[in-house]
Amino acid sequence: MIYSYYPQWPHNYRYELNKDMHLSAAHYIPSEDAGKCRRVHGHTYTINVTVAGDELNRNGFLIDFTVLKKWIHKRYDHTLLNDHPEFASEETEAAYPTTEVVAQVVWKTVQQKLDETSNKPKCLQVLVRETPTSYAVFRPKEGDFA
């Protein structure tokens, strides 16, 4: 098995966890300057989510890995990302599921769920690898946290 290492974001939290997940999804960018991405095509995305916090929940987790995977993998695997309304939301930087926007939407989804937990950890970064040679990272700014 190949292990990946990702860019780190310095922080002062006691605990940090990273979860890798793979999902297959398609997308398109309906713009003349999007090149080959104008047509529907698929990727096997690798998504890494970094969660940190000072307190563990009653089971001793920042967040259970299986719960984290359910929030993202179950929602987006084997779908056309353009069909999800969050990729056309006014809260995203762009109206199409580019790699950067996928990272932003995954962060928002995860952080909203984390805000509902008792120990309230923070999602510090989301890395989305679209191909073996290209990836995007979303790191929230302080004001992005509720």
Protein backbone atom coordinates (compact mmCIF):
# COMPACT_ATOMS: atom_id res chain seq x y z
CA MET A 1 0.00 0.00 0.00
CA ILE A 2 1.19 3.49 -0.83
CA TYR A 3 0.90 6.04 1.93
CA SER A 4 0.39 9.67 1.08
CA TYR A 5 1.66 12.63 3.03
CA TYR A 6 -0.09 15.94 2.74
CA PRO A 7 0.82 19.54 3.38
CA GLN A 8 0.45 20.34 7.05
CA TRP A 9 -1.18 23.38 8.56
CA PRO A 10 0.42 24.44 11.84
CA HIS A 11 -2.02 24.64 14.72
CA ASN A 12 -2.15 24.49 18.50
CA TYR A 13 -4.69 21.69 18.90
CA ARG A 14 -3.78 18.60 20.93
CA TYR A 15 -5.18 16.10 18.44
CA GLU A 16 -5.21 15.85 14.68
CA LEU A 17 -6.59 13.15 12.45
CA ASN A 18 -6.51 12.70 8.71
CA LYS A 19 -8.91 10.57 6.73
CA ASP A 20 -8.30 9.56 3.13
CA MET A 21 -11.22 8.44 1.03
CA HIS A 22 -11.64 7.61 -2.61
CA LEU A 23 -14.75 8.29 -4.58
CA SER A 24 -15.68 8.07 -8.21
CA ALA A 25 -17.64 11.01 -9.53
CA ALA A 26 -18.16 12.89 -12.76
CA HIS A 27 -18.35 16.58 -13.50
CA TYR A 28 -18.21 19.13 -16.28
CA ILE A 29 -17.46 22.83 -16.50
CA PRO A 30 -19.82 24.44 -19.06
CA SER A 31 -17.44 27.18 -20.15
CA GLU A 32 -15.63 27.68 -23.44
CA ASP A 33 -12.31 28.19 -21.68
CA ALA A 34 -12.60 24.96 -19.65
CA GLY A 35 -10.95 22.87 -22.37
CA LYS A 36 -11.63 19.14 -22.09
CA CYS A 37 -13.51 19.73 -18.86
CA ARG A 38 -16.42 21.14 -20.89
CA ARG A 39 -17.61 17.57 -21.45
CA VAL A 40 -18.86 15.21 -18.78
CA HIS A 41 -15.98 13.07 -17.55
CA GLY A 42 -15.17 11.17 -14.39
CA HIS A 43 -12.40 10.97 -11.84
CA THR A 44 -11.47 8.72 -9.00
CA TYR A 45 -10.93 11.47 -6.48
CA THR A 46 -8.74 11.07 -3.44
CA ILE A 47 -9.98 13.30 -0.67
CA ASN A 48 -8.03 13.92 2.52
CA VAL A 49 -9.81 15.63 5.39
CA THR A 50 -7.82 17.01 8.35
CA VAL A 51 -9.71 17.43 11.64
CA ALA A 52 -8.19 18.79 14.84
CA GLY A 53 -9.33 19.64 18.34
CA ASP A 54 -8.50 19.66 22.00
CA GLU A 55 -11.27 17.41 23.27
CA LEU A 56 -12.17 13.84 22.38
CA ASN A 57 -15.76 12.62 22.39
CA ARG A 58 -17.06 10.06 24.90
CA ASN A 59 -15.66 7.23 22.76
CA GLY A 60 -12.18 8.75 22.65
CA PHE A 61 -12.40 10.10 19.08
CA LEU A 62 -12.19 13.56 17.59
CA ILE A 63 -14.66 12.08 15.11
CA ASP A 64 -15.19 8.48 14.11
CA PHE A 65 -13.55 7.79 10.74
CA THR A 66 -16.61 5.91 9.50
CA VAL A 67 -18.88 8.87 10.26
CA LEU A 68 -16.53 11.23 8.46
CA LYS A 69 -16.49 8.96 5.41
CA LYS A 70 -20.28 8.65 5.45
CA TRP A 71 -20.71 12.44 5.26
CA ILE A 72 -18.68 12.67 2.04
CA HIS A 73 -18.31 9.29 0.35
CA LYS A 74 -21.93 8.25 0.69
CA ARG A 75 -23.13 11.62 -0.60
CA TYR A 76 -20.90 12.02 -3.67
CA ASP A 77 -19.64 8.59 -4.75
CA HIS A 78 -20.85 7.57 -8.22
CA THR A 79 -22.70 10.80 -8.85
CA LEU A 80 -22.54 13.71 -11.27
CA LEU A 81 -21.27 16.50 -9.03
CA ASN A 82 -23.07 19.13 -11.13
CA ASP A 83 -26.37 17.62 -9.94
CA HIS A 84 -25.69 18.58 -6.31
CA PRO A 85 -27.13 21.99 -5.47
CA GLU A 86 -24.25 22.92 -3.18
CA PHE A 87 -21.96 23.25 -6.21
CA ALA A 88 -24.11 26.07 -7.55
CA SER A 89 -24.59 27.79 -4.21
CA GLU A 90 -23.92 31.47 -3.67
CA GLU A 91 -21.61 30.41 -0.85
CA THR A 92 -19.05 28.80 -3.17
CA GLU A 93 -16.41 30.71 -5.08
CA ALA A 94 -17.71 29.46 -8.44
CA ALA A 95 -20.82 27.79 -9.76
CA TYR A 96 -19.16 24.62 -11.05
CA PRO A 97 -17.51 21.64 -9.33
CA THR A 98 -13.89 22.41 -10.08
CA THR A 99 -11.34 20.69 -7.86
CA GLU A 100 -11.03 23.86 -5.79
CA VAL A 101 -14.79 24.14 -5.32
CA VAL A 102 -15.08 20.44 -4.44
CA ALA A 103 -12.51 21.02 -1.68
CA GLN A 104 -14.44 24.06 -0.41
CA VAL A 105 -17.80 22.24 -0.43
CA VAL A 106 -16.36 19.18 1.33
CA TRP A 107 -14.90 21.47 4.02
CA LYS A 108 -18.22 23.24 4.53
CA THR A 109 -20.12 19.93 4.72
CA VAL A 110 -17.69 18.45 7.24
CA GLN A 111 -17.47 21.59 9.39
CA GLN A 112 -21.24 21.97 9.61
CA LYS A 113 -21.47 18.38 10.86
CA LEU A 114 -18.57 18.84 13.30
CA ASP A 115 -20.31 21.90 14.74
CA GLU A 116 -23.15 19.59 15.81
CA THR A 117 -20.87 17.29 17.84
CA SER A 118 -20.28 17.55 21.59
CA ASN A 119 -16.51 18.15 21.35
CA LYS A 120 -16.69 20.57 18.37
CA PRO A 121 -13.45 19.78 16.49
CA LYS A 122 -12.42 21.87 13.49
CA CYS A 123 -11.81 20.82 9.90
CA LEU A 124 -8.46 22.45 9.18
CA GLN A 125 -8.01 21.48 5.56
CA VAL A 126 -9.41 19.45 2.72
CA LEU A 127 -7.17 18.19 -0.05
CA VAL A 128 -8.81 16.91 -3.24
CA ARG A 129 -6.62 15.01 -5.68
CA GLU A 130 -8.33 14.92 -9.05
CA THR A 131 -5.56 13.14 -10.96
CA PRO A 132 -2.25 11.60 -9.90
CA THR A 133 -0.53 14.89 -10.73
CA SER A 134 -3.04 17.56 -9.68
CA TYR A 135 -4.74 18.49 -6.46
CA ALA A 136 -6.27 21.46 -4.68
CA VAL A 137 -6.25 22.33 -0.99
CA PHE A 138 -8.90 24.35 0.85
CA ARG A 139 -7.89 25.86 4.19
CA PRO A 140 -10.46 27.97 5.99
CA LYS A 141 -9.69 31.37 7.42
CA GLU A 142 -10.61 32.16 11.02
CA GLY A 143 -13.84 33.89 9.96
CA ASP A 144 -15.05 30.78 8.12
CA PHE A 145 -15.70 28.98 11.41
CA ALA A 146 -19.11 29.59 12.98
